[in-house]
Amino acid sequence: MSSRKAPAGLLVGRPLDPRNNSLNLIRLVLALAVLVHHSWPLTGAADEPIFAGETLGGWAVSGFFVISGYLITGSRFSHGLGDYLVHRIARIMPAFIVCLLTIVFFFAPIGYVIAKGSLDGYFGTATSPLNFLVSNMTLKMNHYDVAGTPLNVPYPGAWNGSLWSLYYEFVCYLVVAALGCFEIFRRSPWFLTLLFVASVVAQANIDVINRYTNGNVDVVLMFKLLPFFLGGAVLFAWKSRIGIHWAPAVVSLLVSLLMVSLFPAWGGQASGALIAYGTLWISTWLPQPGVISRNDVSYGVYIYAFAFQQLLAVFGAHEWGLVLFSLAATALTIPTAIASWVWIERPVMRRVRSKDRRSKTMPSTAPATVLPDPEAAVSAETVRTTL
């Protein structure tokens, strides 16, 4: 253990360097883990490893929510409500809409022609391309198929099963947006911590809640994911008092592992803040290539991987086996994710931030303290949200 004392105000460790971490790489690994998770049922491989009742993909999504909770809370607490919402919409919606359009005009037509021999009737089905676009435009995935496709695949009727989580992600954004309106949540970390504890209690008693909601899937999934997001938020709330240090990080990860093993129904959620702390510590020493530091393609990988996997399955590539199928899907997904970042995500966010800078340089009638945007500071070029 280092003999250096913690900086003034910190009980232990040092502050997370917002420009020297590997969160982009970690998020990319999580996105690829979701891809591999989907390859199991698509290829008919042996049963996917499950830990505490959750799959590899499920834990990867939880990891996204933990990291997002930390970063997004920082963004909210350093922005007004209007700017914050503009940033969140700009980050998630343009690429999402383009993804829907790509499914309608690229993936689905190919699948339809392979199954039907032509495009006759493609635009007149119950889940027509227009219906697919309109019904899913608000992030809530009401339809996963387009004109009944994909067909003749191990997982029929869904072009992009990964998109379901974006709706719950955005609901978490709105929760933090509301909390940021109350000064009490900004000034003291205890109130956010109590809210986190309440969300864990709700998850632990989800069976009781289901009696009053008739097992509504939105309620079930929201209480499952919200504690992970709030766990990251809690860590941000305490970051001015607890720095990043290897010893508590290792303990945090070990305690998380124990909690999940002993209490599989809610141990992961209860460990949200501990998982966040351990993840941030890992990001301080895990090497990250400069190109990944400057370019955050994890969102693009997440939203396109499943569609490419289904397209490969349409052509029978799912019979290649788990490894080759996953590699082929990755080879198709990565270039598309890069294109999404270079042509859609980064330009939109740069435009939004340029407007922010212009508005902040305008004279005002009273002086104001402008806090740095912790989300923007994570990397000079990238803006991170979760998927």
Protein backbone atom coordinates (compact mmCIF):
# COMPACT_ATOMS: atom_id res chain seq x y z
CA MET A 1 0.00 0.00 0.00
CA SER A 2 1.27 3.43 -0.87
CA SER A 3 2.43 5.59 2.02
CA ARG A 4 1.18 8.73 0.32
CA LYS A 5 -1.61 10.44 2.15
CA ALA A 6 -4.97 10.99 0.49
CA PRO A 7 -5.56 14.51 -0.82
CA ALA A 8 -7.33 16.90 1.50
CA GLY A 9 -11.02 16.06 1.84
CA LEU A 10 -10.64 12.41 0.79
CA LEU A 11 -10.76 9.60 3.35
CA VAL A 12 -8.71 7.33 1.11
CA GLY A 13 -7.24 7.16 -2.37
CA ARG A 14 -7.00 9.80 -5.03
CA PRO A 15 -9.63 11.35 -7.33
CA LEU A 16 -10.43 9.54 -10.55
CA ASP A 17 -8.51 11.16 -13.38
CA PRO A 18 -11.32 12.01 -15.83
CA ARG A 19 -8.89 12.02 -18.78
CA ASN A 20 -6.84 8.97 -17.88
CA ASN A 21 -9.06 5.92 -17.54
CA SER A 22 -10.22 3.01 -19.67
CA LEU A 23 -13.99 3.33 -19.33
CA ASN A 24 -14.36 3.37 -23.12
CA LEU A 25 -12.58 0.03 -23.35
CA ILE A 26 -14.60 -1.47 -20.49
CA ARG A 27 -17.84 -0.41 -22.14
CA LEU A 28 -16.70 -1.89 -25.45
CA VAL A 29 -15.90 -5.19 -23.72
CA LEU A 30 -19.36 -5.17 -22.13
CA ALA A 31 -21.00 -4.58 -25.53
CA LEU A 32 -19.04 -7.47 -27.04
CA ALA A 33 -20.04 -9.63 -24.08
CA VAL A 34 -23.68 -9.01 -25.01
CA LEU A 35 -22.87 -10.10 -28.57
CA VAL A 36 -21.31 -13.35 -27.34
CA HIS A 37 -24.28 -13.88 -25.01
CA HIS A 38 -26.66 -13.75 -27.98
CA SER A 39 -24.51 -16.20 -29.93
CA TRP A 40 -25.34 -19.02 -27.51
CA PRO A 41 -29.03 -19.44 -28.39
CA LEU A 42 -28.45 -18.50 -32.03
CA THR A 43 -25.85 -21.23 -32.58
CA GLY A 44 -27.43 -23.83 -30.32
CA ALA A 45 -24.20 -24.09 -28.35
CA ALA A 46 -24.02 -25.76 -24.95
CA ASP A 47 -25.79 -23.97 -22.15
CA GLU A 48 -24.43 -20.49 -21.52
CA PRO A 49 -22.67 -20.08 -18.16
CA ILE A 50 -25.00 -18.55 -15.59
CA PHE A 51 -23.96 -16.93 -12.33
CA ALA A 52 -26.54 -16.23 -9.62
CA GLY A 53 -29.34 -16.81 -12.10
CA GLU A 54 -28.03 -14.24 -14.58
CA THR A 55 -26.39 -14.71 -17.96
CA LEU A 56 -23.24 -13.09 -19.31
CA GLY A 57 -25.36 -10.62 -21.24
CA GLY A 58 -27.45 -9.78 -18.19
CA TRP A 59 -24.38 -8.95 -16.13
CA ALA A 60 -22.95 -6.92 -19.02
CA VAL A 61 -26.12 -4.80 -19.17
CA SER A 62 -25.93 -4.31 -15.40
CA GLY A 63 -22.35 -3.13 -15.86
CA PHE A 64 -23.52 -0.57 -18.41
CA PHE A 65 -26.08 0.78 -15.95
CA VAL A 66 -23.51 1.03 -13.15
CA ILE A 67 -21.06 3.04 -15.26
CA SER A 68 -23.84 5.15 -16.71
CA GLY A 69 -25.18 5.95 -13.24
CA TYR A 70 -21.83 7.43 -12.26
CA LEU A 71 -21.29 9.45 -15.43
CA ILE A 72 -24.84 10.61 -16.01
CA THR A 73 -25.28 11.81 -12.44
CA GLY A 74 -22.14 13.88 -12.89
CA SER A 75 -23.59 15.36 -16.05
CA ARG A 76 -26.89 16.21 -14.35
CA PHE A 77 -25.29 17.81 -11.29
CA SER A 78 -23.18 20.09 -13.49
CA HIS A 79 -25.94 21.10 -15.93
CA GLY A 80 -29.30 22.76 -15.79
CA LEU A 81 -32.31 20.57 -16.50
CA GLY A 82 -32.76 21.80 -20.07
CA ASP A 83 -29.14 21.34 -21.12
CA TYR A 84 -29.00 17.95 -19.44
CA LEU A 85 -32.06 16.64 -21.30
CA VAL A 86 -30.77 18.00 -24.61
CA HIS A 87 -27.49 16.16 -24.06
CA ARG A 88 -29.18 12.90 -23.19
CA ILE A 89 -31.57 13.02 -26.14
CA ALA A 90 -28.78 14.02 -28.53
CA ARG A 91 -26.56 11.21 -27.34
CA ILE A 92 -29.03 8.35 -27.53
CA MET A 93 -31.75 9.22 -30.05
CA PRO A 94 -30.07 10.07 -33.40
CA ALA A 95 -28.06 6.84 -33.57
CA PHE A 96 -31.07 4.87 -32.35
CA ILE A 97 -33.33 6.29 -35.08
CA VAL A 98 -30.70 5.61 -37.75
CA CYS A 99 -30.45 2.05 -36.43
CA LEU A 100 -34.22 1.61 -36.83
CA LEU A 101 -34.01 2.97 -40.37
CA THR A 102 -31.13 0.63 -41.17
CA ILE A 103 -33.18 -2.34 -39.99
CA VAL A 104 -36.12 -1.27 -42.16
CA PHE A 105 -34.15 -0.50 -45.33
CA PHE A 106 -31.26 -2.97 -45.10
CA PHE A 107 -31.61 -5.90 -42.71
CA ALA A 108 -35.33 -6.64 -43.02
CA PRO A 109 -35.57 -6.42 -46.84
CA ILE A 110 -32.76 -8.93 -47.18
CA GLY A 111 -34.43 -11.27 -44.71
CA TYR A 112 -37.79 -10.84 -46.42
CA VAL A 113 -36.41 -11.61 -49.89
CA ILE A 114 -34.56 -14.67 -48.59
CA ALA A 115 -37.78 -15.96 -46.99
CA LYS A 116 -40.35 -14.89 -49.64
CA GLY A 117 -38.35 -14.64 -52.84
CA SER A 118 -39.28 -10.98 -53.46
CA LEU A 119 -40.38 -7.79 -51.69
CA ASP A 120 -44.03 -8.27 -52.65
CA GLY A 121 -46.16 -7.44 -49.61
CA TYR A 122 -43.24 -6.13 -47.57
CA PHE A 123 -44.82 -2.70 -46.99
CA GLY A 124 -48.36 -3.96 -46.35
CA THR A 125 -47.97 -6.33 -43.42
CA ALA A 126 -49.30 -5.79 -39.89
CA THR A 127 -45.84 -4.92 -38.62
CA SER A 128 -44.95 -2.95 -41.73
CA PRO A 129 -41.71 -0.94 -41.95
CA LEU A 130 -43.63 2.25 -41.15
CA ASN A 131 -45.36 0.63 -38.18
CA PHE A 132 -42.00 -0.63 -36.91
CA LEU A 133 -40.51 2.86 -37.07
CA VAL A 134 -43.44 4.72 -35.54
CA SER A 135 -44.17 2.25 -32.75
CA ASN A 136 -40.54 2.11 -31.62
CA MET A 137 -39.57 5.76 -32.11
CA THR A 138 -39.80 6.59 -28.40
CA LEU A 139 -37.23 3.92 -27.36
CA LYS A 140 -39.98 1.64 -26.10
CA MET A 141 -39.67 -1.45 -28.29
CA ASN A 142 -43.23 -2.48 -29.09
CA HIS A 143 -42.31 -4.52 -32.17
CA TYR A 144 -39.11 -6.39 -32.92
CA ASP A 145 -40.03 -7.89 -36.28
CA VAL A 146 -40.48 -6.15 -39.62
CA ALA A 147 -43.08 -7.78 -41.87
CA GLY A 148 -42.74 -10.96 -39.84
CA THR A 149 -39.00 -11.24 -40.44
CA PRO A 150 -36.53 -12.63 -39.66
CA LEU A 151 -37.82 -16.10 -40.48
CA ASN A 152 -36.22 -19.53 -40.50
CA VAL A 153 -33.68 -18.62 -37.83
CA PRO A 154 -33.19 -20.01 -34.31
CA TYR A 155 -34.60 -16.78 -32.82
CA PRO A 156 -37.35 -15.69 -35.24
CA GLY A 157 -39.36 -12.48 -35.19
CA ALA A 158 -36.77 -10.11 -33.74
CA TRP A 159 -34.20 -8.10 -35.66
CA ASN A 160 -32.71 -6.36 -32.66
CA GLY A 161 -33.36 -7.80 -29.24
CA SER A 162 -30.69 -5.59 -27.65
CA LEU A 163 -32.67 -2.37 -28.00
CA TRP A 164 -35.05 -3.21 -25.14
CA SER A 165 -32.72 -1.78 -22.47
CA LEU A 166 -32.51 1.72 -23.96
CA TYR A 167 -35.99 2.60 -22.74
CA TYR A 168 -35.13 1.73 -19.14
CA GLU A 169 -31.82 3.53 -19.51
CA PHE A 170 -33.63 6.69 -20.47
CA VAL A 171 -36.10 6.31 -17.60
CA CYS A 172 -33.06 6.27 -15.30
CA TYR A 173 -31.92 9.50 -16.97
CA LEU A 174 -35.28 11.03 -16.10
CA VAL A 175 -35.02 9.86 -12.50
CA VAL A 176 -31.66 11.62 -12.14
CA ALA A 177 -33.07 14.64 -13.97
CA ALA A 178 -35.79 14.92 -11.33
CA LEU A 179 -33.38 14.40 -8.42
CA GLY A 180 -31.14 17.14 -9.72
CA CYS A 181 -33.99 19.61 -9.33
CA PHE A 182 -33.71 19.31 -5.55
CA GLU A 183 -30.74 20.96 -3.90
CA ILE A 184 -30.83 18.42 -1.08
CA PHE A 185 -29.63 15.67 -3.44
CA ARG A 186 -26.79 17.87 -4.69
CA ARG A 187 -25.55 18.96 -1.28
CA SER A 188 -25.59 15.69 0.66
CA PRO A 189 -24.79 12.18 -0.58
CA TRP A 190 -26.91 10.60 2.14
CA PHE A 191 -30.26 11.23 0.47
CA LEU A 192 -29.15 9.65 -2.79
CA THR A 193 -27.74 6.76 -0.76
CA LEU A 194 -31.09 6.28 0.99
CA LEU A 195 -32.85 6.26 -2.38
CA PHE A 196 -30.43 3.61 -3.58
CA VAL A 197 -31.15 1.49 -0.49
CA ALA A 198 -34.89 1.89 -1.10
CA SER A 199 -34.48 0.65 -4.68
CA VAL A 200 -32.62 -2.43 -3.42
CA VAL A 201 -35.37 -3.12 -0.87
CA ALA A 202 -37.91 -2.86 -3.68
CA GLN A 203 -36.00 -5.39 -5.77
CA ALA A 204 -35.68 -7.72 -2.80
CA ASN A 205 -39.47 -7.58 -2.41
CA ILE A 206 -40.36 -7.65 -6.10
CA ASP A 207 -42.76 -10.54 -5.55
CA VAL A 208 -44.82 -8.39 -3.21
CA ILE A 209 -44.77 -5.50 -5.68
CA ASN A 210 -45.87 -7.85 -8.46
CA ARG A 211 -49.07 -8.60 -6.57
CA TYR A 212 -50.11 -4.99 -6.99
CA THR A 213 -48.84 -4.53 -10.54
CA ASN A 214 -49.91 -7.91 -11.97
CA GLY A 215 -46.29 -8.65 -12.77
CA ASN A 216 -46.02 -5.72 -15.19
CA VAL A 217 -42.81 -6.34 -17.12
CA ASP A 218 -41.86 -2.65 -17.12
CA VAL A 219 -42.04 -2.53 -13.34
CA VAL A 220 -40.06 -5.76 -12.98
CA LEU A 221 -37.27 -4.63 -15.31
CA MET A 222 -37.15 -1.12 -13.89
CA PHE A 223 -36.69 -2.32 -10.31
CA LYS A 224 -34.12 -4.81 -11.54
CA LEU A 225 -31.97 -2.20 -13.32
CA LEU A 226 -32.55 1.00 -11.33
CA PRO A 227 -30.44 -0.09 -8.32
CA PHE A 228 -27.42 -0.65 -10.57
CA PHE A 229 -27.83 2.84 -12.03
CA LEU A 230 -28.33 4.40 -8.60
CA GLY A 231 -25.30 2.48 -7.34
CA GLY A 232 -23.17 4.37 -9.83
CA ALA A 233 -24.96 7.59 -8.86
CA VAL A 234 -24.16 6.99 -5.19
CA LEU A 235 -20.49 6.57 -5.98
CA PHE A 236 -20.51 9.91 -7.79
CA ALA A 237 -22.21 11.53 -4.81
CA TRP A 238 -19.44 10.29 -2.50
CA LYS A 239 -16.50 10.89 -4.84
CA SER A 240 -15.48 14.13 -3.12
CA ARG A 241 -14.98 12.17 0.11
CA ILE A 242 -13.81 8.74 -1.05
CA GLY A 243 -11.06 8.51 -3.67
CA ILE A 244 -10.01 5.55 -5.80
CA HIS A 245 -7.63 3.14 -4.04
CA TRP A 246 -6.76 -0.48 -4.74
CA ALA A 247 -7.46 -1.83 -1.24
CA PRO A 248 -11.12 -0.77 -0.87
CA ALA A 249 -11.64 -1.58 -4.55
CA VAL A 250 -10.53 -5.18 -4.11
CA VAL A 251 -12.65 -5.48 -0.98
CA SER A 252 -15.62 -3.99 -2.86
CA LEU A 253 -15.36 -6.57 -5.63
CA LEU A 254 -14.95 -9.45 -3.19
CA VAL A 255 -17.93 -8.32 -1.12
CA SER A 256 -19.97 -7.96 -4.32
CA LEU A 257 -19.09 -11.50 -5.32
CA LEU A 258 -20.12 -12.75 -1.88
CA MET A 259 -23.37 -10.78 -1.90
CA VAL A 260 -24.37 -12.06 -5.33
CA SER A 261 -23.56 -15.64 -4.35
CA LEU A 262 -25.50 -15.53 -1.09
CA PHE A 263 -28.46 -13.44 -2.26
CA PRO A 264 -28.86 -14.01 -6.01
CA ALA A 265 -32.26 -12.29 -6.17
CA TRP A 266 -30.98 -8.91 -4.99
CA GLY A 267 -27.29 -9.22 -4.08
CA GLY A 268 -26.15 -7.72 -7.38
CA GLN A 269 -28.41 -4.72 -6.97
CA ALA A 270 -27.26 -4.24 -3.36
CA SER A 271 -23.68 -4.27 -4.63
CA GLY A 272 -24.30 -1.58 -7.24
CA ALA A 273 -22.11 1.07 -5.61
CA LEU A 274 -19.39 -1.48 -4.80
CA ILE A 275 -19.36 -2.75 -8.39
CA ALA A 276 -19.11 0.85 -9.58
CA TYR A 277 -16.15 1.50 -7.28
CA GLY A 278 -14.34 -1.64 -8.40
CA THR A 279 -15.00 -0.85 -12.06
CA LEU A 280 -13.62 2.67 -11.76
CA TRP A 281 -10.53 1.31 -10.03
CA ILE A 282 -9.99 -1.17 -12.85
CA SER A 283 -10.28 1.70 -15.31
CA THR A 284 -7.32 3.44 -13.63
CA TRP A 285 -4.81 0.69 -14.44
CA LEU A 286 -6.27 -1.21 -17.41
CA PRO A 287 -4.39 -0.06 -20.55
CA GLN A 288 -6.56 1.51 -23.24
CA PRO A 289 -5.39 2.10 -26.81
CA GLY A 290 -5.43 5.76 -27.82
CA VAL A 291 -7.86 5.14 -30.67
CA ILE A 292 -10.41 3.71 -28.23
CA SER A 293 -9.80 6.56 -25.81
CA ARG A 294 -10.68 9.05 -28.55
CA ASN A 295 -13.57 7.11 -30.04
CA ASP A 296 -16.44 5.56 -28.09
CA VAL A 297 -17.93 2.91 -30.38
CA SER A 298 -19.52 0.81 -27.62
CA TYR A 299 -23.00 2.24 -28.24
CA GLY A 300 -22.81 1.40 -31.92
CA VAL A 301 -21.63 -2.12 -31.15
CA TYR A 302 -24.51 -2.59 -28.75
CA ILE A 303 -27.27 -1.41 -31.07
CA TYR A 304 -26.07 -3.18 -34.25
CA ALA A 305 -24.60 -6.49 -33.06
CA PHE A 306 -27.87 -8.42 -32.72
CA ALA A 307 -29.11 -7.32 -36.14
CA PHE A 308 -25.93 -8.57 -37.80
CA GLN A 309 -26.16 -11.82 -35.88
CA GLN A 310 -29.71 -12.32 -37.15
CA LEU A 311 -28.64 -11.48 -40.71
CA LEU A 312 -25.87 -14.04 -40.50
CA ALA A 313 -28.37 -16.58 -39.19
CA VAL A 314 -30.65 -15.88 -42.16
CA PHE A 315 -27.80 -17.10 -44.38
CA GLY A 316 -27.16 -20.12 -42.18
CA ALA A 317 -23.98 -18.83 -40.51
CA HIS A 318 -25.30 -19.87 -37.10
CA GLU A 319 -24.27 -23.40 -38.04
CA TRP A 320 -20.59 -22.35 -37.96
CA GLY A 321 -20.45 -22.69 -34.20
CA LEU A 322 -20.21 -20.23 -31.32
CA VAL A 323 -16.68 -18.93 -31.89
CA LEU A 324 -16.73 -18.44 -35.68
CA PHE A 325 -20.24 -17.02 -35.58
CA SER A 326 -19.29 -14.50 -32.87
CA LEU A 327 -16.14 -13.47 -34.75
CA ALA A 328 -18.08 -12.99 -37.98
CA ALA A 329 -20.70 -10.87 -36.23
CA THR A 330 -17.97 -8.79 -34.58
CA ALA A 331 -16.23 -8.24 -37.92
CA LEU A 332 -19.47 -6.85 -39.38
CA THR A 333 -20.51 -4.88 -36.30
CA ILE A 334 -17.31 -2.99 -35.53
CA PRO A 335 -17.09 -1.09 -38.86
CA THR A 336 -20.77 -0.18 -38.60
CA ALA A 337 -20.27 1.04 -35.03
CA ILE A 338 -17.32 3.15 -36.17
CA ALA A 339 -19.44 4.65 -38.94
CA SER A 340 -22.20 5.42 -36.43
CA TRP A 341 -19.70 7.17 -34.17
CA VAL A 342 -17.92 9.12 -36.91
CA TRP A 343 -20.95 10.17 -38.95
CA ILE A 344 -23.75 10.42 -36.38
CA GLU A 345 -22.90 10.28 -32.69
CA ARG A 346 -19.77 12.44 -32.54
CA PRO A 347 -20.99 15.17 -34.93
CA VAL A 348 -24.30 15.51 -33.07
CA MET A 349 -22.61 15.79 -29.68
CA ARG A 350 -20.02 18.24 -30.96
CA ARG A 351 -22.79 20.42 -32.30
CA VAL A 352 -24.64 20.31 -28.98
CA ARG A 353 -21.51 21.16 -27.03
CA SER A 354 -20.59 23.97 -29.37
CA LYS A 355 -23.99 25.51 -28.66
CA ASP A 356 -23.30 25.11 -24.95
CA ARG A 357 -20.01 26.96 -25.26
CA ARG A 358 -21.60 29.79 -27.24
CA SER A 359 -24.42 30.15 -24.71
CA LYS A 360 -21.98 30.23 -21.79
CA THR A 361 -19.94 33.00 -23.39
CA MET A 362 -23.00 35.23 -23.76
CA PRO A 363 -23.13 38.06 -21.18
CA SER A 364 -25.53 37.56 -18.30
CA THR A 365 -27.05 39.92 -15.78
CA ALA A 366 -25.52 38.06 -12.85
CA PRO A 367 -22.30 36.06 -12.45
CA ALA A 368 -22.65 32.29 -12.39
CA THR A 369 -20.33 29.48 -11.44
CA VAL A 370 -20.00 27.05 -14.34
CA LEU A 371 -18.94 23.59 -13.19
CA PRO A 372 -16.98 21.36 -15.55
CA ASP A 373 -18.99 18.63 -17.21
CA PRO A 374 -17.63 15.40 -15.70
CA GLU A 375 -19.07 13.38 -18.57
CA ALA A 376 -17.28 15.47 -21.16
CA ALA A 377 -14.10 15.41 -19.09
CA VAL A 378 -13.85 11.63 -19.20
CA SER A 379 -12.26 12.07 -22.59
CA ALA A 380 -11.48 15.08 -24.70
CA GLU A 381 -13.24 13.59 -27.70
CA THR A 382 -15.88 11.22 -26.37
CA VAL A 383 -19.17 11.54 -24.58
CA ARG A 384 -20.22 8.48 -22.66
CA THR A 385 -23.63 7.21 -21.85
CA THR A 386 -24.69 3.61 -21.37
CA LEU A 387 -26.65 1.47 -23.68
